[in-house]
């Protein structure tokens, strides 16, 4: 399980997922406290990664 506080683009999460995979570990999901966009969520779900977001602020961005 990867836990992150704030995600904007998802690039750091992608790097962490690659690190987990390269270590031979099994990723059970990603949990994020605050999401600033939605695009990264779909990309991870397309990779069959479970994603949980506590607070979605993507609609508040200008």
Protein backbone atom coordinates (compact mmCIF):
# COMPACT_ATOMS: atom_id res chain seq x y z
CA UNK A 1 0.00 0.00 0.00
CA UNK A 2 1.31 3.40 -0.97
CA UNK A 3 0.00 6.34 1.07
CA UNK A 4 0.51 9.92 -0.11
CA UNK A 5 -0.66 13.23 1.28
CA UNK A 6 -1.22 15.39 -1.83
CA UNK A 7 -1.23 14.32 -5.48
CA UNK A 8 -1.31 16.72 -8.40
CA UNK A 9 -0.06 14.86 -11.48
CA UNK A 10 0.56 11.34 -10.25
CA UNK A 11 4.13 11.23 -11.55
CA UNK A 12 5.59 10.50 -8.12
CA UNK A 13 3.03 7.73 -7.57
CA UNK A 14 3.94 6.19 -10.93
CA UNK A 15 7.60 6.20 -9.92
CA UNK A 16 6.77 4.58 -6.58
CA UNK A 17 4.65 1.92 -8.31
CA UNK A 18 7.55 1.11 -10.63
CA UNK A 19 9.84 0.86 -7.59
CA UNK A 20 7.42 -1.52 -5.84
CA UNK A 21 7.13 -3.65 -8.99
CA UNK A 22 10.89 -3.74 -9.55
CA UNK A 23 11.33 -4.95 -5.97
CA UNK A 24 9.01 -7.86 -6.71
CA UNK A 25 6.46 -6.69 -4.14
CA UNK A 26 2.70 -6.80 -4.67
CA UNK A 27 0.96 -3.43 -4.61
CA UNK A 28 -2.46 -3.66 -2.99
CA UNK A 29 -3.47 -0.06 -3.63
CA UNK A 30 -2.87 3.65 -3.33
CA UNK A 31 -4.43 5.88 -0.71
CA UNK A 32 -4.30 9.65 -1.09
CA UNK A 33 -5.42 12.26 1.39
CA UNK A 34 -5.91 15.15 -1.08
CA UNK A 35 -6.20 14.92 -4.87
CA UNK A 36 -5.71 18.08 -6.92
CA UNK A 37 -6.69 16.49 -10.27
CA UNK A 38 -8.51 13.45 -11.63
CA UNK A 39 -6.36 12.51 -14.63
CA UNK A 40 -3.86 10.46 -12.61
CA UNK A 41 -6.66 8.40 -11.03
CA UNK A 42 -7.86 7.01 -14.36
CA UNK A 43 -4.29 6.23 -15.41
CA UNK A 44 -3.70 4.17 -12.27
CA UNK A 45 -7.04 2.41 -12.49
CA UNK A 46 -6.22 1.50 -16.10
CA UNK A 47 -3.20 -0.29 -14.60
CA UNK A 48 -5.53 -2.17 -12.21
CA UNK A 49 -4.36 -0.21 -9.18
CA UNK A 50 -6.93 0.34 -6.45
CA UNK A 51 -7.15 4.07 -5.69
CA UNK A 52 -8.76 5.64 -2.61
CA UNK A 53 -8.98 9.43 -2.29
CA UNK A 54 -10.11 11.04 0.97
CA UNK A 55 -10.63 14.60 -0.33
CA UNK A 56 -10.98 15.49 -4.03
CA UNK A 57 -10.21 19.15 -4.69
CA UNK A 58 -9.88 18.85 -8.46
CA UNK A 59 -13.02 20.88 -9.13
CA UNK A 60 -11.70 23.80 -7.06
CA UNK A 61 -8.66 24.45 -9.24
CA UNK A 62 -8.82 27.45 -11.50
